[in-house]
Structure formats: C-alpha cells, structure tokens
C-alpha cells in the first residue's frame, strides 16, 4: 500500500521534469530556426539587390557567386594555408592577451589601491579603437605575423582585463571575512575563492576578446598585406 503512493509521486515528479526539458528543447529549436530564416532572408535580399544592379556586383558579388567560389576553393591547399596563418595570428594574439590581462586583472581587482591608481590609465586606453593602431603597426612591423598579433593582443586585452577586475571585485565580502577568520593563507583564498568567483566573468571576457582578436587579425592582413585569409 505504501509503495504505490511513493511510485505515483515519483512518476508524477518525473513527468513535469520531462515536460520542462521538452519545452526548453522546443524553444531552442524555434530560436535556431528563427535565426536561420533571418539569415536566409538577408541573403535572398542581397541576391535580389545585386542581381538587379542596385549594388555594384564587382564590389559586392551576389551570395550565390560567393558560395560557388567558396566551394571551388575548398579543394585548393592555398585556402587552408591562409586559414592556418590567420588562425595562428589569432591564437597568438589571444594567448598573449590572456597571459597579460588575467594576472593583471587579479592584481587590480584584489587591491583597492592598485585599482584606483590605474583606473584613469585603463579608462583612457580602453576606448582607443584598435583599428586606429593599424597605421602604427604598419610602420613598426614588416608585413607578417608580428603586426597582426600586436593588433589582436591589444584589442583582446581590454575585455579580459575589465571582466577579470570586476569578477574579482564581485566576490562576496562575507566569503573573504570567513576565510580571514579561519586564517586561510592569501594564496589559498585566491585559488579557492577569488578565482572560482571570477571564472564566469573571465569566460565572458575571453569570448568577447576571441571575436575582437579575429576581426583585428583579418583587418591587419587586409591593410598590411600580411599572409592569411585577409
């Protein structure tokens, strides 16, 4: 007698869970289909506009022509070499930005004095558009890997640095006070409390910086003539 009510409760509890999971999957599918339809509509509009001569096809070719050309290039080793050169510059620039920005962000976020002393400099340099440094990179570096890595690293540092600083400063004071009352070493506090609390912010900064770094690498290749997709 006792087993049946328990079984019915378990079953009734599992059914809403499956319903919630199914509803979530349906929403994700609808969102993905909506995004796909939006992209297809934009491509179709560009196809019509370029075919009608509203936009010059010599500079903005129709998407169908771009797609056919891309498919034809997939078998060309030169395309994959160029992709590898672009990805190498992107990875190096993003890696340098992470190595510089994460320790610096931990330091500035954990020290109020360091944060206030460097905030004017950070706020002055952060809004500088990285594309504006392309002429400087063109003068300082020869056409090659160094220039685009410099641009990518400079552009990627700021989102990671800002997110790391605010992630460290977002640690709850109660957690730090508890660790201090238990006389936990500072390195253990940083490794077990501060860094885990800053990881979501750091992941967001890296995600933003990865996109920015790739854009700057391709821009540097176009302007500076560096080897790669640009």
C-alpha atoms as a PDB file:
ATOM      1  CA  UNK A   1       0.000   0.000   0.000  1.00  0.00           C
ATOM      2  CA  UNK A   2       2.842   2.355   0.806  1.00  0.00           C
ATOM      3  CA  UNK A   3       4.726   1.508  -2.362  1.00  0.00           C
ATOM      4  CA  UNK A   4       2.038   2.676  -4.764  1.00  0.00           C
ATOM      5  CA  UNK A   5       1.724   6.224  -3.478  1.00  0.00           C
ATOM      6  CA  UNK A   6       5.519   6.568  -3.500  1.00  0.00           C
ATOM      7  CA  UNK A   7       5.691   5.272  -7.062  1.00  0.00           C
ATOM      8  CA  UNK A   8       2.946   7.602  -8.204  1.00  0.00           C
ATOM      9  CA  UNK A   9       4.723  10.577  -6.635  1.00  0.00           C
ATOM     10  CA  UNK A  10       7.992   9.666  -8.352  1.00  0.00           C
ATOM     11  CA  UNK A  11       6.226   9.241 -11.668  1.00  0.00           C
ATOM     12  CA  UNK A  12       4.323  12.488 -11.311  1.00  0.00           C
ATOM     13  CA  UNK A  13       7.572  14.251 -10.407  1.00  0.00           C
ATOM     14  CA  UNK A  14       9.381  12.868 -13.446  1.00  0.00           C
ATOM     15  CA  UNK A  15       6.668  13.850 -15.909  1.00  0.00           C
ATOM     16  CA  UNK A  16       6.893  17.616 -15.219  1.00  0.00           C
ATOM     17  CA  UNK A  17      10.676  17.374 -15.496  1.00  0.00           C
ATOM     18  CA  UNK A  18      10.414  15.764 -18.925  1.00  0.00           C
ATOM     19  CA  UNK A  19       7.840  18.367 -19.929  1.00  0.00           C
ATOM     20  CA  UNK A  20      10.138  21.222 -18.894  1.00  0.00           C
ATOM     21  CA  UNK A  21      13.073  19.675 -20.771  1.00  0.00           C
ATOM     22  CA  UNK A  22      10.919  19.172 -23.857  1.00  0.00           C
ATOM     23  CA  UNK A  23       9.639  22.748 -23.734  1.00  0.00           C
ATOM     24  CA  UNK A  24      13.185  24.049 -23.400  1.00  0.00           C
ATOM     25  CA  UNK A  25      14.350  21.991 -26.383  1.00  0.00           C
ATOM     26  CA  UNK A  26      11.390  23.263 -28.411  1.00  0.00           C
ATOM     27  CA  UNK A  27      12.230  26.879 -27.580  1.00  0.00           C
ATOM     28  CA  UNK A  28      15.868  26.345 -28.575  1.00  0.00           C
ATOM     29  CA  UNK A  29      14.780  24.746 -31.859  1.00  0.00           C
ATOM     30  CA  UNK A  30      12.424  27.626 -32.624  1.00  0.00           C
ATOM     31  CA  UNK A  31      15.142  30.140 -31.806  1.00  0.00           C
ATOM     32  CA  UNK A  32      17.620  28.371 -34.078  1.00  0.00           C
ATOM     33  CA  UNK A  33      15.102  28.144 -36.925  1.00  0.00           C
ATOM     34  CA  UNK A  34      14.224  31.815 -36.483  1.00  0.00           C
ATOM     35  CA  UNK A  35      17.883  32.789 -36.734  1.00  0.00           C
ATOM     36  CA  UNK A  36      18.303  30.586 -39.815  1.00  0.00           C
ATOM     37  CA  UNK A  37      15.296  32.115 -41.517  1.00  0.00           C
ATOM     38  CA  UNK A  38      16.588  35.601 -40.720  1.00  0.00           C
ATOM     39  CA  UNK A  39      19.957  34.826 -42.327  1.00  0.00           C
ATOM     40  CA  UNK A  40      18.266  33.305 -45.388  1.00  0.00           C
ATOM     41  CA  UNK A  41      16.055  36.370 -45.814  1.00  0.00           C
ATOM     42  CA  UNK A  42      19.077  38.696 -45.660  1.00  0.00           C
ATOM     43  CA  UNK A  43      20.977  36.575 -48.195  1.00  0.00           C
ATOM     44  CA  UNK A  44      17.969  36.460 -50.518  1.00  0.00           C
ATOM     45  CA  UNK A  45      17.579  40.244 -50.286  1.00  0.00           C
ATOM     46  CA  UNK A  46      21.274  40.740 -51.108  1.00  0.00           C
ATOM     47  CA  UNK A  47      20.942  38.358 -54.053  1.00  0.00           C
ATOM     48  CA  UNK A  48      17.991  40.294 -55.456  1.00  0.00           C
ATOM     49  CA  UNK A  49      19.578  43.702 -54.905  1.00  0.00           C
ATOM     50  CA  UNK A  50      22.894  42.767 -56.533  1.00  0.00           C
ATOM     51  CA  UNK A  51      21.242  40.961 -59.441  1.00  0.00           C
ATOM     52  CA  UNK A  52      19.033  43.992 -60.045  1.00  0.00           C
ATOM     53  CA  UNK A  53      22.087  46.243 -60.256  1.00  0.00           C
ATOM     54  CA  UNK A  54      21.252  48.361 -57.226  1.00  0.00           C
ATOM     55  CA  UNK A  55      24.617  47.428 -55.708  1.00  0.00           C
ATOM     56  CA  UNK A  56      27.738  47.012 -57.883  1.00  0.00           C
ATOM     57  CA  UNK A  57      28.345  43.295 -58.315  1.00  0.00           C
ATOM     58  CA  UNK A  58      32.064  43.942 -58.881  1.00  0.00           C
ATOM     59  CA  UNK A  59      32.454  45.057 -55.254  1.00  0.00           C
ATOM     60  CA  UNK A  60      29.534  43.253 -53.590  1.00  0.00           C
ATOM     61  CA  UNK A  61      29.034  39.993 -55.500  1.00  0.00           C
ATOM     62  CA  UNK A  62      25.808  38.026 -55.118  1.00  0.00           C
ATOM     63  CA  UNK A  63      25.807  35.447 -52.290  1.00  0.00           C
ATOM     64  CA  UNK A  64      25.294  32.649 -54.813  1.00  0.00           C
ATOM     65  CA  UNK A  65      28.511  33.626 -56.606  1.00  0.00           C
ATOM     66  CA  UNK A  66      30.368  33.792 -53.290  1.00  0.00           C
ATOM     67  CA  UNK A  67      29.083  30.358 -52.299  1.00  0.00           C
ATOM     68  CA  UNK A  68      30.053  28.763 -55.620  1.00  0.00           C
ATOM     69  CA  UNK A  69      33.522  30.316 -55.444  1.00  0.00           C
ATOM     70  CA  UNK A  70      33.953  29.146 -51.843  1.00  0.00           C
ATOM     71  CA  UNK A  71      33.002  25.588 -52.727  1.00  0.00           C
ATOM     72  CA  UNK A  72      35.518  25.682 -55.579  1.00  0.00           C
ATOM     73  CA  UNK A  73      38.253  26.894 -53.228  1.00  0.00           C
ATOM     74  CA  UNK A  74      37.719  24.145 -50.660  1.00  0.00           C
ATOM     75  CA  UNK A  75      39.945  21.819 -52.641  1.00  0.00           C
ATOM     76  CA  UNK A  76      42.721  24.382 -53.020  1.00  0.00           C
ATOM     77  CA  UNK A  77      45.559  23.898 -50.481  1.00  0.00           C
ATOM     78  CA  UNK A  78      46.318  27.633 -50.616  1.00  0.00           C
ATOM     79  CA  UNK A  79      42.995  28.358 -48.895  1.00  0.00           C
ATOM     80  CA  UNK A  80      43.780  26.109 -45.944  1.00  0.00           C
ATOM     81  CA  UNK A  81      47.299  27.525 -45.659  1.00  0.00           C
ATOM     82  CA  UNK A  82      45.802  31.023 -45.479  1.00  0.00           C
ATOM     83  CA  UNK A  83      43.250  29.864 -42.884  1.00  0.00           C
ATOM     84  CA  UNK A  84      46.052  28.352 -40.817  1.00  0.00           C
ATOM     85  CA  UNK A  85      48.068  31.593 -40.977  1.00  0.00           C
ATOM     86  CA  UNK A  86      45.067  33.619 -39.830  1.00  0.00           C
ATOM     87  CA  UNK A  87      44.266  31.209 -37.000  1.00  0.00           C
ATOM     88  CA  UNK A  88      47.912  31.231 -35.901  1.00  0.00           C
ATOM     89  CA  UNK A  89      47.887  35.024 -35.578  1.00  0.00           C
ATOM     90  CA  UNK A  90      44.538  34.904 -33.789  1.00  0.00           C
ATOM     91  CA  UNK A  91      45.654  32.245 -31.311  1.00  0.00           C
ATOM     92  CA  UNK A  92      48.939  34.011 -30.536  1.00  0.00           C
ATOM     93  CA  UNK A  93      47.256  37.385 -30.053  1.00  0.00           C
ATOM     94  CA  UNK A  94      44.533  35.959 -27.832  1.00  0.00           C
ATOM     95  CA  UNK A  95      47.042  33.903 -25.849  1.00  0.00           C
ATOM     96  CA  UNK A  96      49.255  36.930 -25.204  1.00  0.00           C
ATOM     97  CA  UNK A  97      46.206  38.919 -24.108  1.00  0.00           C
ATOM     98  CA  UNK A  98      45.175  36.181 -21.651  1.00  0.00           C
ATOM     99  CA  UNK A  99      48.677  35.875 -20.204  1.00  0.00           C
ATOM    100  CA  UNK A 100      48.874  39.644 -19.631  1.00  0.00           C
ATOM    101  CA  UNK A 101      45.285  40.509 -18.710  1.00  0.00           C
ATOM    102  CA  UNK A 102      44.376  37.709 -16.278  1.00  0.00           C
ATOM    103  CA  UNK A 103      47.212  38.202 -13.720  1.00  0.00           C
ATOM    104  CA  UNK A 104      46.924  41.978 -14.067  1.00  0.00           C
ATOM    105  CA  UNK A 105      43.164  41.804 -13.561  1.00  0.00           C
ATOM    106  CA  UNK A 106      43.575  39.643 -10.456  1.00  0.00           C
ATOM    107  CA  UNK A 107      46.056  42.149  -9.035  1.00  0.00           C
ATOM    108  CA  UNK A 108      43.988  45.252  -9.802  1.00  0.00           C
ATOM    109  CA  UNK A 109      40.775  43.634  -8.657  1.00  0.00           C
ATOM    110  CA  UNK A 110      42.122  42.419  -5.334  1.00  0.00           C
ATOM    111  CA  UNK A 111      43.940  45.642  -4.387  1.00  0.00           C
ATOM    112  CA  UNK A 112      41.852  48.779  -3.898  1.00  0.00           C
ATOM    113  CA  UNK A 113      44.943  50.986  -4.046  1.00  0.00           C
ATOM    114  CA  UNK A 114      46.166  49.476  -7.311  1.00  0.00           C
ATOM    115  CA  UNK A 115      42.665  49.659  -8.786  1.00  0.00           C
ATOM    116  CA  UNK A 116      42.248  53.374  -8.011  1.00  0.00           C
ATOM    117  CA  UNK A 117      45.808  54.198  -9.121  1.00  0.00           C
ATOM    118  CA  UNK A 118      45.488  52.535 -12.522  1.00  0.00           C
ATOM    119  CA  UNK A 119      41.824  53.221 -13.266  1.00  0.00           C
ATOM    120  CA  UNK A 120      42.443  56.568 -15.085  1.00  0.00           C
ATOM    121  CA  UNK A 121      45.047  54.934 -17.330  1.00  0.00           C
ATOM    122  CA  UNK A 122      42.825  51.937 -18.077  1.00  0.00           C
ATOM    123  CA  UNK A 123      39.817  54.127 -18.806  1.00  0.00           C
ATOM    124  CA  UNK A 124      41.989  56.294 -21.086  1.00  0.00           C
ATOM    125  CA  UNK A 125      43.426  53.426 -23.148  1.00  0.00           C
ATOM    126  CA  UNK A 126      40.401  51.129 -23.227  1.00  0.00           C
ATOM    127  CA  UNK A 127      38.225  53.255 -25.568  1.00  0.00           C
ATOM    128  CA  UNK A 128      41.042  53.655 -28.105  1.00  0.00           C
ATOM    129  CA  UNK A 129      39.816  51.838 -31.245  1.00  0.00           C
ATOM    130  CA  UNK A 130      42.239  49.103 -32.146  1.00  0.00           C
ATOM    131  CA  UNK A 131      41.747  49.745 -35.860  1.00  0.00           C
ATOM    132  CA  UNK A 132      43.308  53.173 -35.314  1.00  0.00           C
ATOM    133  CA  UNK A 133      46.568  51.399 -34.461  1.00  0.00           C
ATOM    134  CA  UNK A 134      46.795  49.752 -37.876  1.00  0.00           C
ATOM    135  CA  UNK A 135      48.973  52.578 -39.337  1.00  0.00           C
ATOM    136  CA  UNK A 136      51.253  52.356 -36.305  1.00  0.00           C
ATOM    137  CA  UNK A 137      51.580  48.600 -36.682  1.00  0.00           C
ATOM    138  CA  UNK A 138      52.212  49.100 -40.397  1.00  0.00           C
ATOM    139  CA  UNK A 139      55.147  51.385 -39.557  1.00  0.00           C
ATOM    140  CA  UNK A 140      56.599  49.336 -36.707  1.00  0.00           C
ATOM    141  CA  UNK A 141      56.296  45.812 -38.098  1.00  0.00           C
ATOM    142  CA  UNK A 142      57.006  44.323 -41.512  1.00  0.00           C
ATOM    143  CA  UNK A 143      54.158  42.551 -43.330  1.00  0.00           C
ATOM    144  CA  UNK A 144      53.950  39.281 -41.468  1.00  0.00           C
ATOM    145  CA  UNK A 145      52.881  37.733 -38.226  1.00  0.00           C
ATOM    146  CA  UNK A 146      54.104  40.356 -35.748  1.00  0.00           C
ATOM    147  CA  UNK A 147      51.845  43.210 -36.821  1.00  0.00           C
ATOM    148  CA  UNK A 148      48.563  41.312 -36.721  1.00  0.00           C
ATOM    149  CA  UNK A 149      49.499  39.615 -33.453  1.00  0.00           C
ATOM    150  CA  UNK A 150      50.146  43.050 -31.942  1.00  0.00           C
ATOM    151  CA  UNK A 151      46.751  44.321 -33.099  1.00  0.00           C
ATOM    152  CA  UNK A 152      44.934  41.224 -31.885  1.00  0.00           C
ATOM    153  CA  UNK A 153      46.647  41.253 -28.492  1.00  0.00           C
ATOM    154  CA  UNK A 154      45.975  44.957 -27.910  1.00  0.00           C
ATOM    155  CA  UNK A 155      42.308  44.583 -28.829  1.00  0.00           C
ATOM    156  CA  UNK A 156      41.808  41.405 -26.781  1.00  0.00           C
ATOM    157  CA  UNK A 157      43.458  42.623 -23.582  1.00  0.00           C
ATOM    158  CA  UNK A 158      40.768  45.088 -22.552  1.00  0.00           C
ATOM    159  CA  UNK A 159      37.646  42.887 -22.389  1.00  0.00           C
ATOM    160  CA  UNK A 160      39.560  40.210 -20.467  1.00  0.00           C
ATOM    161  CA  UNK A 161      41.133  42.749 -18.121  1.00  0.00           C
ATOM    162  CA  UNK A 162      37.887  44.585 -17.351  1.00  0.00           C
ATOM    163  CA  UNK A 163      35.883  41.396 -16.808  1.00  0.00           C
ATOM    164  CA  UNK A 164      38.600  39.913 -14.588  1.00  0.00           C
ATOM    165  CA  UNK A 165      38.752  43.057 -12.448  1.00  0.00           C
ATOM    166  CA  UNK A 166      35.016  43.172 -11.920  1.00  0.00           C
ATOM    167  CA  UNK A 167      34.867  39.424 -11.375  1.00  0.00           C
ATOM    168  CA  UNK A 168      37.405  39.676  -8.546  1.00  0.00           C
ATOM    169  CA  UNK A 169      35.692  42.723  -7.051  1.00  0.00           C
ATOM    170  CA  UNK A 170      32.363  40.891  -7.158  1.00  0.00           C
ATOM    171  CA  UNK A 171      33.491  38.343  -4.555  1.00  0.00           C
ATOM    172  CA  UNK A 172      31.153  38.490  -1.561  1.00  0.00           C
ATOM    173  CA  UNK A 173      32.758  40.211   1.453  1.00  0.00           C
ATOM    174  CA  UNK A 174      31.313  37.507   3.716  1.00  0.00           C
ATOM    175  CA  UNK A 175      33.407  34.890   1.922  1.00  0.00           C
ATOM    176  CA  UNK A 176      36.600  36.885   2.390  1.00  0.00           C
ATOM    177  CA  UNK A 177      35.782  37.618   6.032  1.00  0.00           C
ATOM    178  CA  UNK A 178      35.112  33.931   6.672  1.00  0.00           C
ATOM    179  CA  UNK A 179      38.426  32.978   5.093  1.00  0.00           C
ATOM    180  CA  UNK A 180      40.187  35.657   7.129  1.00  0.00           C
ATOM    181  CA  UNK A 181      38.583  34.454  10.364  1.00  0.00           C
ATOM    182  CA  UNK A 182      39.820  30.926   9.669  1.00  0.00           C
ATOM    183  CA  UNK A 183      43.298  32.366   8.954  1.00  0.00           C
ATOM    184  CA  UNK A 184      43.466  30.878   5.478  1.00  0.00           C
ATOM    185  CA  UNK A 185      46.544  31.862   3.513  1.00  0.00           C
ATOM    186  CA  UNK A 186      46.149  34.545   0.845  1.00  0.00           C
ATOM    187  CA  UNK A 187      47.247  32.216  -1.936  1.00  0.00           C
ATOM    188  CA  UNK A 188      44.610  29.689  -0.883  1.00  0.00           C
ATOM    189  CA  UNK A 189      41.991  32.436  -0.761  1.00  0.00           C
ATOM    190  CA  UNK A 190      42.895  33.479  -4.297  1.00  0.00           C
ATOM    191  CA  UNK A 191      42.901  29.899  -5.593  1.00  0.00           C
ATOM    192  CA  UNK A 192      39.787  28.641  -3.806  1.00  0.00           C
ATOM    193  CA  UNK A 193      37.558  31.721  -3.529  1.00  0.00           C
ATOM    194  CA  UNK A 194      38.616  34.601  -5.764  1.00  0.00           C
ATOM    195  CA  UNK A 195      39.435  32.751  -8.993  1.00  0.00           C
ATOM    196  CA  UNK A 196      36.321  30.491  -8.954  1.00  0.00           C
ATOM    197  CA  UNK A 197      34.159  33.583  -8.388  1.00  0.00           C
ATOM    198  CA  UNK A 198      35.830  35.379 -11.313  1.00  0.00           C
ATOM    199  CA  UNK A 199      35.682  32.456 -13.764  1.00  0.00           C
ATOM    200  CA  UNK A 200      32.235  33.355 -15.252  1.00  0.00           C
ATOM    201  CA  UNK A 201      33.384  36.931 -15.838  1.00  0.00           C
ATOM    202  CA  UNK A 202      36.688  35.711 -17.271  1.00  0.00           C
ATOM    203  CA  UNK A 203      34.926  33.323 -19.639  1.00  0.00           C
ATOM    204  CA  UNK A 204      32.740  36.168 -20.912  1.00  0.00           C
ATOM    205  CA  UNK A 205      35.784  38.373 -21.447  1.00  0.00           C
ATOM    206  CA  UNK A 206      37.614  35.654 -23.374  1.00  0.00           C
ATOM    207  CA  UNK A 207      34.551  35.001 -25.531  1.00  0.00           C
ATOM    208  CA  UNK A 208      34.308  38.690 -26.459  1.00  0.00           C
ATOM    209  CA  UNK A 209      38.067  39.026 -26.953  1.00  0.00           C
ATOM    210  CA  UNK A 210      38.252  35.994 -29.239  1.00  0.00           C
ATOM    211  CA  UNK A 211      35.846  37.639 -31.680  1.00  0.00           C
ATOM    212  CA  UNK A 212      37.578  41.020 -31.481  1.00  0.00           C
ATOM    213  CA  UNK A 213      41.012  39.431 -31.984  1.00  0.00           C
ATOM    214  CA  UNK A 214      39.872  37.567 -35.097  1.00  0.00           C
ATOM    215  CA  UNK A 215      38.433  40.754 -36.593  1.00  0.00           C
ATOM    216  CA  UNK A 216      41.682  42.632 -35.962  1.00  0.00           C
ATOM    217  CA  UNK A 217      43.800  39.838 -37.434  1.00  0.00           C
ATOM    218  CA  UNK A 218      41.812  39.841 -40.679  1.00  0.00           C
ATOM    219  CA  UNK A 219      41.837  43.656 -40.760  1.00  0.00           C
ATOM    220  CA  UNK A 220      45.600  43.689 -40.296  1.00  0.00           C
ATOM    221  CA  UNK A 221      46.012  41.186 -43.124  1.00  0.00           C
ATOM    222  CA  UNK A 222      43.903  43.318 -45.462  1.00  0.00           C
ATOM    223  CA  UNK A 223      45.612  46.624 -44.679  1.00  0.00           C
ATOM    224  CA  UNK A 224      49.178  45.467 -44.052  1.00  0.00           C
ATOM    225  CA  UNK A 225      49.278  42.753 -46.690  1.00  0.00           C
ATOM    226  CA  UNK A 226      50.117  40.038 -44.198  1.00  0.00           C
ATOM    227  CA  UNK A 227      49.611  36.441 -45.338  1.00  0.00           C
ATOM    228  CA  UNK A 228      46.291  34.926 -44.368  1.00  0.00           C
ATOM    229  CA  UNK A 229      42.620  34.966 -45.270  1.00  0.00           C
ATOM    230  CA  UNK A 230      42.610  38.772 -45.373  1.00  0.00           C
END
